[in-house]
Amino acid sequence: MSLSRYQHPASPGSLLAQFNDEINRMFLQDNNSFPSLTGGNWTPAVDVRETDQAYFIEAEVPGVDPKAIEITLDKGVLTLKGERQDHDASADAADDRGAGQARYRERRFGAFVRRFSLPETADEENIVAQADHGVLRLTIHKKPQLEPRRITVQV
């Protein structure tokens, strides 16, 4: 266990320590934590799996209304678009959580776009999207494989 000296939050040493912590986090974590490096947007984490019957995409979209997620397919490119609203930024955020400016924030807000190029085996007419507990699940079924067949020569 390490001991650290208490500093009043408004002291200059505390502000310098906060700045130092932010710089350290920038180099130790992914770029999604820093809006200046990602243009202010965020990118949901995505897992892609494949079985013999289908492709599966799972995207973490907590805080995003599933009805507001736009999923489009154009020329073999599947696009997911959405936006996570910053409810605390609004002037009328005086609810149970308390009003005022946030002192420390790690969560990112704003628009996101993810694009996936589908392989030729994907059945573009058979895609199912579901959302549950902040996870968007897409199932992209595969086209049935045509088996080679023998053609007899007629005499």
N, C-alpha and C. Protein backbone atom coordinates (compact mmCIF):
# COMPACT_ATOMS: atom_id res chain seq x y z
N MET A 1 0.85 -1.17 0.00
CA MET A 1 0.00 0.00 0.00
C MET A 1 0.89 1.23 0.00
N SER A 2 0.58 2.17 -0.85
CA SER A 2 1.37 3.39 -0.88
C SER A 2 0.58 4.53 -0.25
N LEU A 3 1.31 5.42 0.39
CA LEU A 3 0.71 6.58 1.01
C LEU A 3 0.95 7.78 0.13
N SER A 4 -0.04 8.62 0.01
CA SER A 4 0.15 9.86 -0.74
C SER A 4 -0.34 11.01 0.10
N ARG A 5 0.29 12.15 -0.08
CA ARG A 5 -0.03 13.33 0.69
C ARG A 5 -1.32 13.95 0.15
N TYR A 6 -2.21 14.35 1.04
CA TYR A 6 -3.46 14.99 0.64
C TYR A 6 -3.19 16.41 0.21
N GLN A 7 -3.80 16.79 -0.93
CA GLN A 7 -3.71 18.18 -1.38
C GLN A 7 -5.12 18.67 -1.63
N HIS A 8 -5.37 19.87 -1.24
CA HIS A 8 -6.68 20.48 -1.47
C HIS A 8 -6.93 20.52 -2.98
N PRO A 9 -8.16 20.21 -3.44
CA PRO A 9 -8.44 20.15 -4.88
C PRO A 9 -8.11 21.44 -5.63
N ALA A 10 -8.14 22.58 -4.98
CA ALA A 10 -7.88 23.84 -5.69
C ALA A 10 -6.41 24.25 -5.67
N SER A 11 -5.58 23.46 -5.02
CA SER A 11 -4.17 23.84 -4.94
C SER A 11 -3.49 23.64 -6.29
N PRO A 12 -2.48 24.48 -6.59
CA PRO A 12 -1.78 24.37 -7.87
C PRO A 12 -1.12 23.01 -8.08
N GLY A 13 -0.62 22.40 -7.02
CA GLY A 13 -0.01 21.08 -7.13
C GLY A 13 -1.00 20.04 -7.60
N SER A 14 -2.24 20.17 -7.14
CA SER A 14 -3.28 19.23 -7.54
C SER A 14 -3.60 19.37 -9.02
N LEU A 15 -3.65 20.60 -9.52
CA LEU A 15 -3.92 20.81 -10.94
C LEU A 15 -2.80 20.25 -11.80
N LEU A 16 -1.57 20.43 -11.35
CA LEU A 16 -0.44 19.88 -12.07
C LEU A 16 -0.48 18.35 -12.07
N ALA A 17 -0.88 17.77 -10.94
CA ALA A 17 -0.99 16.31 -10.86
C ALA A 17 -2.09 15.80 -11.80
N GLN A 18 -3.22 16.51 -11.88
CA GLN A 18 -4.29 16.12 -12.81
C GLN A 18 -3.80 16.17 -14.25
N PHE A 19 -3.06 17.23 -14.59
CA PHE A 19 -2.52 17.37 -15.94
C PHE A 19 -1.55 16.22 -16.24
N ASN A 20 -0.70 15.91 -15.28
CA ASN A 20 0.24 14.81 -15.44
C ASN A 20 -0.49 13.49 -15.64
N ASP A 21 -1.55 13.25 -14.87
CA ASP A 21 -2.35 12.03 -15.01
C ASP A 21 -2.96 11.93 -16.41
N GLU A 22 -3.46 13.05 -16.93
CA GLU A 22 -4.06 13.05 -18.27
C GLU A 22 -3.01 12.73 -19.34
N ILE A 23 -1.83 13.30 -19.21
CA ILE A 23 -0.75 13.02 -20.17
C ILE A 23 -0.37 11.55 -20.12
N ASN A 24 -0.25 11.00 -18.91
CA ASN A 24 0.08 9.58 -18.77
C ASN A 24 -0.99 8.70 -19.38
N ARG A 25 -2.25 9.02 -19.15
CA ARG A 25 -3.35 8.24 -19.72
C ARG A 25 -3.31 8.29 -21.24
N MET A 26 -2.94 9.43 -21.81
CA MET A 26 -2.91 9.57 -23.26
C MET A 26 -1.92 8.59 -23.88
N PHE A 27 -0.80 8.37 -23.23
CA PHE A 27 0.21 7.48 -23.79
C PHE A 27 0.00 6.02 -23.41
N LEU A 28 -0.79 5.77 -22.38
CA LEU A 28 -0.97 4.40 -21.92
C LEU A 28 -2.27 3.77 -22.38
N GLN A 29 -3.22 4.55 -22.89
CA GLN A 29 -4.51 4.02 -23.30
C GLN A 29 -4.72 4.28 -24.77
N ASP A 30 -5.85 3.74 -25.26
CA ASP A 30 -6.15 3.90 -26.68
C ASP A 30 -6.60 5.33 -26.98
N ASN A 31 -6.58 5.71 -28.24
CA ASN A 31 -6.88 7.07 -28.65
C ASN A 31 -8.35 7.45 -28.46
N ASN A 32 -9.24 6.49 -28.26
CA ASN A 32 -10.66 6.82 -28.09
C ASN A 32 -10.90 7.62 -26.82
N SER A 33 -9.98 7.60 -25.88
CA SER A 33 -10.15 8.31 -24.63
C SER A 33 -9.88 9.80 -24.77
N PHE A 34 -9.39 10.23 -25.93
CA PHE A 34 -8.97 11.61 -26.07
C PHE A 34 -9.59 12.22 -27.32
N PRO A 35 -10.58 13.11 -27.14
CA PRO A 35 -11.28 13.66 -28.29
C PRO A 35 -10.37 14.45 -29.21
N SER A 36 -9.30 15.04 -28.71
CA SER A 36 -8.43 15.80 -29.59
C SER A 36 -7.73 14.91 -30.60
N LEU A 37 -7.55 13.63 -30.26
CA LEU A 37 -6.89 12.70 -31.18
C LEU A 37 -7.87 12.00 -32.11
N THR A 38 -9.14 12.00 -31.76
CA THR A 38 -10.13 11.29 -32.57
C THR A 38 -11.16 12.23 -33.18
N GLY A 39 -10.95 13.52 -33.11
CA GLY A 39 -11.88 14.47 -33.70
C GLY A 39 -13.14 14.67 -32.89
N GLY A 40 -13.16 14.26 -31.64
CA GLY A 40 -14.31 14.47 -30.78
C GLY A 40 -15.33 13.36 -30.84
N ASN A 41 -15.17 12.43 -31.76
CA ASN A 41 -16.10 11.31 -31.86
C ASN A 41 -15.56 10.12 -31.09
N TRP A 42 -16.37 9.10 -30.99
CA TRP A 42 -15.96 7.88 -30.32
C TRP A 42 -16.23 6.71 -31.25
N THR A 43 -15.57 5.62 -30.99
CA THR A 43 -15.73 4.43 -31.81
C THR A 43 -16.13 3.27 -30.92
N PRO A 44 -17.31 2.69 -31.16
CA PRO A 44 -17.70 1.55 -30.33
C PRO A 44 -16.81 0.34 -30.60
N ALA A 45 -16.50 -0.39 -29.55
CA ALA A 45 -15.74 -1.63 -29.69
C ALA A 45 -16.59 -2.66 -30.42
N VAL A 46 -15.96 -3.43 -31.31
CA VAL A 46 -16.69 -4.39 -32.15
C VAL A 46 -15.97 -5.73 -32.14
N ASP A 47 -16.76 -6.80 -32.08
CA ASP A 47 -16.26 -8.17 -32.26
C ASP A 47 -16.91 -8.73 -33.52
N VAL A 48 -16.13 -9.42 -34.35
CA VAL A 48 -16.66 -10.06 -35.56
C VAL A 48 -16.30 -11.54 -35.48
N ARG A 49 -17.32 -12.39 -35.65
CA ARG A 49 -17.12 -13.84 -35.62
C ARG A 49 -17.72 -14.45 -36.89
N GLU A 50 -17.27 -15.66 -37.21
CA GLU A 50 -17.79 -16.36 -38.38
C GLU A 50 -18.01 -17.81 -38.04
N THR A 51 -19.15 -18.35 -38.49
CA THR A 51 -19.41 -19.78 -38.42
C THR A 51 -19.67 -20.27 -39.84
N ASP A 52 -20.00 -21.54 -39.97
CA ASP A 52 -20.29 -22.08 -41.30
C ASP A 52 -21.57 -21.48 -41.89
N GLN A 53 -22.49 -21.02 -41.03
CA GLN A 53 -23.78 -20.52 -41.50
C GLN A 53 -23.88 -19.00 -41.58
N ALA A 54 -23.06 -18.27 -40.79
CA ALA A 54 -23.28 -16.81 -40.73
C ALA A 54 -22.05 -16.08 -40.21
N TYR A 55 -22.11 -14.75 -40.37
CA TYR A 55 -21.15 -13.82 -39.77
C TYR A 55 -21.88 -13.11 -38.65
N PHE A 56 -21.17 -12.79 -37.57
CA PHE A 56 -21.77 -12.12 -36.43
C PHE A 56 -20.95 -10.89 -36.09
N ILE A 57 -21.63 -9.76 -35.92
CA ILE A 57 -20.98 -8.53 -35.50
C ILE A 57 -21.65 -8.08 -34.21
N GLU A 58 -20.85 -7.83 -33.19
CA GLU A 58 -21.37 -7.30 -31.93
C GLU A 58 -20.66 -5.99 -31.65
N ALA A 59 -21.43 -4.93 -31.47
CA ALA A 59 -20.88 -3.60 -31.21
C ALA A 59 -21.39 -3.10 -29.87
N GLU A 60 -20.47 -2.58 -29.06
CA GLU A 60 -20.85 -2.02 -27.76
C GLU A 60 -21.31 -0.59 -27.97
N VAL A 61 -22.60 -0.34 -27.71
CA VAL A 61 -23.18 0.99 -27.89
C VAL A 61 -24.00 1.40 -26.67
N PRO A 62 -23.40 1.38 -25.46
CA PRO A 62 -24.17 1.77 -24.28
C PRO A 62 -24.57 3.23 -24.34
N GLY A 63 -25.78 3.50 -23.92
CA GLY A 63 -26.26 4.87 -23.90
C GLY A 63 -26.80 5.36 -25.23
N VAL A 64 -26.82 4.49 -26.24
CA VAL A 64 -27.34 4.87 -27.56
C VAL A 64 -28.71 4.21 -27.72
N ASP A 65 -29.71 5.01 -28.09
CA ASP A 65 -31.04 4.48 -28.32
C ASP A 65 -30.99 3.56 -29.54
N PRO A 66 -31.36 2.28 -29.40
CA PRO A 66 -31.29 1.36 -30.54
C PRO A 66 -32.10 1.83 -31.75
N LYS A 67 -33.19 2.56 -31.49
CA LYS A 67 -34.01 3.06 -32.60
C LYS A 67 -33.30 4.16 -33.38
N ALA A 68 -32.30 4.77 -32.78
CA ALA A 68 -31.58 5.86 -33.44
C ALA A 68 -30.34 5.38 -34.19
N ILE A 69 -30.06 4.08 -34.14
CA ILE A 69 -28.91 3.53 -34.87
C ILE A 69 -29.34 3.28 -36.31
N GLU A 70 -28.57 3.82 -37.23
CA GLU A 70 -28.86 3.66 -38.65
C GLU A 70 -27.93 2.59 -39.22
N ILE A 71 -28.53 1.55 -39.80
CA ILE A 71 -27.76 0.47 -40.42
C ILE A 71 -28.11 0.46 -41.90
N THR A 72 -27.10 0.62 -42.75
CA THR A 72 -27.34 0.63 -44.20
C THR A 72 -26.38 -0.35 -44.87
N LEU A 73 -26.79 -0.80 -46.05
CA LEU A 73 -25.97 -1.69 -46.86
C LEU A 73 -25.97 -1.14 -48.27
N ASP A 74 -24.77 -0.83 -48.78
CA ASP A 74 -24.64 -0.26 -50.12
C ASP A 74 -23.41 -0.85 -50.78
N LYS A 75 -23.62 -1.55 -51.88
CA LYS A 75 -22.53 -2.13 -52.67
C LYS A 75 -21.58 -2.98 -51.83
N GLY A 76 -22.16 -3.80 -50.97
CA GLY A 76 -21.37 -4.71 -50.16
C GLY A 76 -20.74 -4.11 -48.93
N VAL A 77 -21.02 -2.85 -48.62
CA VAL A 77 -20.47 -2.19 -47.43
C VAL A 77 -21.59 -1.97 -46.42
N LEU A 78 -21.44 -2.58 -45.26
CA LEU A 78 -22.40 -2.43 -44.17
C LEU A 78 -21.94 -1.27 -43.29
N THR A 79 -22.83 -0.29 -43.06
CA THR A 79 -22.48 0.89 -42.29
C THR A 79 -23.37 1.00 -41.06
N LEU A 80 -22.74 1.23 -39.91
CA LEU A 80 -23.45 1.49 -38.65
C LEU A 80 -23.20 2.94 -38.28
N LYS A 81 -24.28 3.70 -38.05
CA LYS A 81 -24.17 5.10 -37.64
C LYS A 81 -25.04 5.33 -36.43
N GLY A 82 -24.57 6.19 -35.56
CA GLY A 82 -25.36 6.55 -34.39
C GLY A 82 -24.71 7.67 -33.63
N GLU A 83 -25.33 8.01 -32.52
CA GLU A 83 -24.80 9.09 -31.70
C GLU A 83 -25.17 8.86 -30.25
N ARG A 84 -24.19 9.04 -29.38
CA ARG A 84 -24.44 8.98 -27.94
C ARG A 84 -24.51 10.42 -27.45
N GLN A 85 -25.66 10.78 -26.89
CA GLN A 85 -25.89 12.15 -26.44
C GLN A 85 -25.23 12.39 -25.09
N ASP A 86 -24.73 13.61 -24.91
CA ASP A 86 -24.17 14.03 -23.63
C ASP A 86 -25.28 14.73 -22.86
N HIS A 87 -26.00 13.97 -22.05
CA HIS A 87 -27.14 14.53 -21.32
C HIS A 87 -26.71 15.52 -20.25
N ASP A 88 -25.51 15.38 -19.72
CA ASP A 88 -25.03 16.28 -18.67
C ASP A 88 -24.68 17.65 -19.20
N ALA A 89 -24.47 17.78 -20.51
CA ALA A 89 -24.08 19.06 -21.09
C ALA A 89 -25.25 20.02 -21.21
N SER A 90 -26.47 19.49 -21.17
CA SER A 90 -27.62 20.36 -21.33
C SER A 90 -27.82 21.21 -20.08
N ALA A 91 -28.38 22.39 -20.27
CA ALA A 91 -28.55 23.33 -19.16
C ALA A 91 -29.57 22.83 -18.14
N ASP A 92 -30.47 21.96 -18.56
CA ASP A 92 -31.51 21.48 -17.65
C ASP A 92 -31.15 20.11 -17.07
N ALA A 93 -29.88 19.88 -16.78
CA ALA A 93 -29.44 18.59 -16.24
C ALA A 93 -29.55 18.54 -14.72
N ALA A 94 -30.40 19.36 -14.14
CA ALA A 94 -30.54 19.39 -12.68
C ALA A 94 -31.50 18.29 -12.25
N ASP A 95 -31.02 17.08 -12.19
CA ASP A 95 -31.84 15.96 -11.73
C ASP A 95 -31.19 15.33 -10.52
N ASP A 96 -31.44 14.05 -10.30
CA ASP A 96 -30.90 13.35 -9.13
C ASP A 96 -29.38 13.35 -9.09
N ARG A 97 -28.72 13.40 -10.25
CA ARG A 97 -27.27 13.32 -10.29
C ARG A 97 -26.61 14.64 -9.91
N GLY A 98 -27.38 15.70 -9.79
CA GLY A 98 -26.82 16.99 -9.42
C GLY A 98 -26.51 17.83 -10.64
N ALA A 99 -26.59 19.13 -10.47
CA ALA A 99 -26.33 20.04 -11.58
C ALA A 99 -24.90 20.52 -11.53
N GLY A 100 -24.47 21.14 -12.60
CA GLY A 100 -23.14 21.73 -12.64
C GLY A 100 -22.25 21.04 -13.66
N GLN A 101 -21.07 21.61 -13.81
CA GLN A 101 -20.10 21.09 -14.76
C GLN A 101 -19.41 19.85 -14.21
N ALA A 102 -19.11 18.91 -15.10
CA ALA A 102 -18.38 17.70 -14.69
C ALA A 102 -16.94 18.08 -14.36
N ARG A 103 -16.42 17.48 -13.32
CA ARG A 103 -15.03 17.75 -12.92
C ARG A 103 -14.07 16.78 -13.58
N TYR A 104 -14.54 15.60 -13.89
CA TYR A 104 -13.68 14.58 -14.48
C TYR A 104 -14.54 13.71 -15.38
N ARG A 105 -14.08 13.45 -16.60
CA ARG A 105 -14.87 12.65 -17.52
C ARG A 105 -13.99 11.67 -18.27
N GLU A 106 -14.46 10.45 -18.37
CA GLU A 106 -13.79 9.44 -19.19
C GLU A 106 -14.68 8.98 -20.33
N ARG A 107 -16.01 9.08 -20.16
CA ARG A 107 -16.91 8.62 -21.20
C ARG A 107 -16.92 9.59 -22.37
N ARG A 108 -17.01 9.06 -23.58
CA ARG A 108 -17.03 9.88 -24.79
C ARG A 108 -18.44 9.93 -25.36
N PHE A 109 -18.74 11.05 -25.98
CA PHE A 109 -20.05 11.27 -26.57
C PHE A 109 -19.87 11.75 -27.99
N GLY A 110 -20.96 11.73 -28.72
CA GLY A 110 -20.93 12.22 -30.09
C GLY A 110 -21.29 11.12 -31.07
N ALA A 111 -21.07 11.43 -32.34
CA ALA A 111 -21.45 10.52 -33.42
C ALA A 111 -20.38 9.46 -33.64
N PHE A 112 -20.82 8.33 -34.17
CA PHE A 112 -19.89 7.28 -34.57
C PHE A 112 -20.32 6.71 -35.91
N VAL A 113 -19.36 6.18 -36.64
CA VAL A 113 -19.60 5.49 -37.90
C VAL A 113 -18.64 4.31 -37.95
N ARG A 114 -19.17 3.12 -38.24
CA ARG A 114 -18.35 1.93 -38.46
C ARG A 114 -18.77 1.32 -39.78
N ARG A 115 -17.79 0.92 -40.60
CA ARG A 115 -18.08 0.32 -41.91
C ARG A 115 -17.40 -1.04 -42.01
N PHE A 116 -18.11 -1.98 -42.64
CA PHE A 116 -17.60 -3.33 -42.82
C PHE A 116 -17.85 -3.76 -44.26
N SER A 117 -16.81 -4.24 -44.93
CA SER A 117 -16.96 -4.79 -46.27
C SER A 117 -17.37 -6.25 -46.13
N LEU A 118 -18.53 -6.57 -46.70
CA LEU A 118 -19.02 -7.94 -46.59
C LEU A 118 -18.41 -8.81 -47.68
N PRO A 119 -18.09 -10.05 -47.36
CA PRO A 119 -17.56 -10.95 -48.38
C PRO A 119 -18.66 -11.39 -49.35
N GLU A 120 -18.27 -11.97 -50.45
CA GLU A 120 -19.24 -12.40 -51.46
C GLU A 120 -20.16 -13.49 -50.95
N THR A 121 -19.75 -14.22 -49.93
CA THR A 121 -20.58 -15.30 -49.40
C THR A 121 -21.71 -14.79 -48.51
N ALA A 122 -21.70 -13.51 -48.17
CA ALA A 122 -22.75 -12.94 -47.31
C ALA A 122 -24.05 -12.80 -48.09
N ASP A 123 -25.14 -13.18 -47.46
CA ASP A 123 -26.47 -13.03 -48.04
C ASP A 123 -26.99 -11.66 -47.65
N GLU A 124 -26.88 -10.69 -48.54
CA GLU A 124 -27.24 -9.30 -48.23
C GLU A 124 -28.74 -9.13 -47.99
N GLU A 125 -29.53 -10.10 -48.38
CA GLU A 125 -30.98 -10.03 -48.16
C GLU A 125 -31.39 -10.65 -46.83
N ASN A 126 -30.45 -11.22 -46.12
CA ASN A 126 -30.78 -11.95 -44.89
C ASN A 126 -29.89 -11.47 -43.74
N ILE A 127 -30.14 -10.23 -43.29
CA ILE A 127 -29.40 -9.63 -42.18
C ILE A 127 -30.38 -9.28 -41.07
N VAL A 128 -30.04 -9.66 -39.85
CA VAL A 128 -30.89 -9.41 -38.69
C VAL A 128 -30.11 -8.57 -37.69
N ALA A 129 -30.74 -7.51 -37.15
CA ALA A 129 -30.11 -6.64 -36.15
C ALA A 129 -30.96 -6.64 -34.89
N GLN A 130 -30.29 -6.82 -33.74
CA GLN A 130 -30.96 -6.79 -32.44
C GLN A 130 -30.09 -5.99 -31.48
N ALA A 131 -30.73 -5.33 -30.53
CA ALA A 131 -30.00 -4.59 -29.49
C ALA A 131 -30.50 -5.05 -28.14
N ASP A 132 -29.54 -5.26 -27.22
CA ASP A 132 -29.90 -5.71 -25.89
C ASP A 132 -28.80 -5.28 -24.91
N HIS A 133 -29.18 -4.54 -23.88
CA HIS A 133 -28.27 -4.12 -22.81
C HIS A 133 -27.02 -3.42 -23.36
N GLY A 134 -27.21 -2.53 -24.31
CA GLY A 134 -26.09 -1.74 -24.83
C GLY A 134 -25.21 -2.45 -25.83
N VAL A 135 -25.63 -3.61 -26.33
CA VAL A 135 -24.87 -4.34 -27.33
C VAL A 135 -25.74 -4.52 -28.57
N LEU A 136 -25.24 -4.06 -29.71
CA LEU A 136 -25.92 -4.24 -30.99
C LEU A 136 -25.37 -5.51 -31.61
N ARG A 137 -26.27 -6.44 -31.95
CA ARG A 137 -25.87 -7.73 -32.53
C ARG A 137 -26.44 -7.85 -33.94
N LEU A 138 -25.54 -8.06 -34.89
CA LEU A 138 -25.95 -8.26 -36.28
C LEU A 138 -25.62 -9.69 -36.67
N THR A 139 -26.57 -10.34 -37.31
CA THR A 139 -26.36 -11.67 -37.86
C THR A 139 -26.50 -11.56 -39.37
N ILE A 140 -25.44 -11.89 -40.07
CA ILE A 140 -25.43 -11.83 -41.53
C ILE A 140 -25.29 -13.26 -42.03
N HIS A 141 -26.38 -13.81 -42.50
CA HIS A 141 -26.38 -15.20 -42.94
C HIS A 141 -25.57 -15.34 -44.23
N LYS A 142 -25.05 -16.53 -44.44
CA LYS A 142 -24.28 -16.81 -45.65
C LYS A 142 -25.20 -17.38 -46.72
N LYS A 143 -24.83 -17.14 -47.97
CA LYS A 143 -25.56 -17.72 -49.09
C LYS A 143 -25.32 -19.23 -49.08
N PRO A 144 -26.34 -19.98 -49.51
CA PRO A 144 -26.11 -21.42 -49.60
C PRO A 144 -25.05 -21.72 -50.66
N GLN A 145 -24.16 -22.62 -50.33
CA GLN A 145 -23.10 -22.98 -51.26
C GLN A 145 -23.64 -23.95 -52.31
N LEU A 146 -23.34 -23.66 -53.55
CA LEU A 146 -23.76 -24.54 -54.62
C LEU A 146 -22.77 -25.70 -54.71
N GLU A 147 -23.31 -26.88 -54.67
CA GLU A 147 -22.47 -28.07 -54.78
C GLU A 147 -22.18 -28.34 -56.25
N PRO A 148 -20.98 -28.80 -56.57
CA PRO A 148 -20.71 -29.14 -57.96
C PRO A 148 -21.59 -30.32 -58.40
N ARG A 149 -22.00 -30.28 -59.61
CA ARG A 149 -22.86 -31.37 -60.09
C ARG A 149 -22.32 -31.87 -61.42
N ARG A 150 -22.64 -33.09 -61.67
CA ARG A 150 -22.19 -33.72 -62.90
C ARG A 150 -23.28 -33.61 -63.96
N ILE A 151 -22.88 -33.23 -65.12
CA ILE A 151 -23.81 -33.08 -66.24
C ILE A 151 -23.53 -34.22 -67.22
N THR A 152 -24.56 -34.97 -67.52
CA THR A 152 -24.38 -36.10 -68.43
C THR A 152 -24.50 -35.64 -69.87
N VAL A 153 -23.73 -36.27 -70.69
CA VAL A 153 -23.75 -35.97 -72.12
C VAL A 153 -24.79 -36.86 -72.77
N GLN A 154 -25.69 -36.23 -73.49
CA GLN A 154 -26.73 -36.98 -74.18
C GLN A 154 -26.23 -37.39 -75.56
N VAL A 155 -26.59 -38.59 -75.95
CA VAL A 155 -26.18 -39.11 -77.24
C VAL A 155 -27.39 -39.20 -78.16
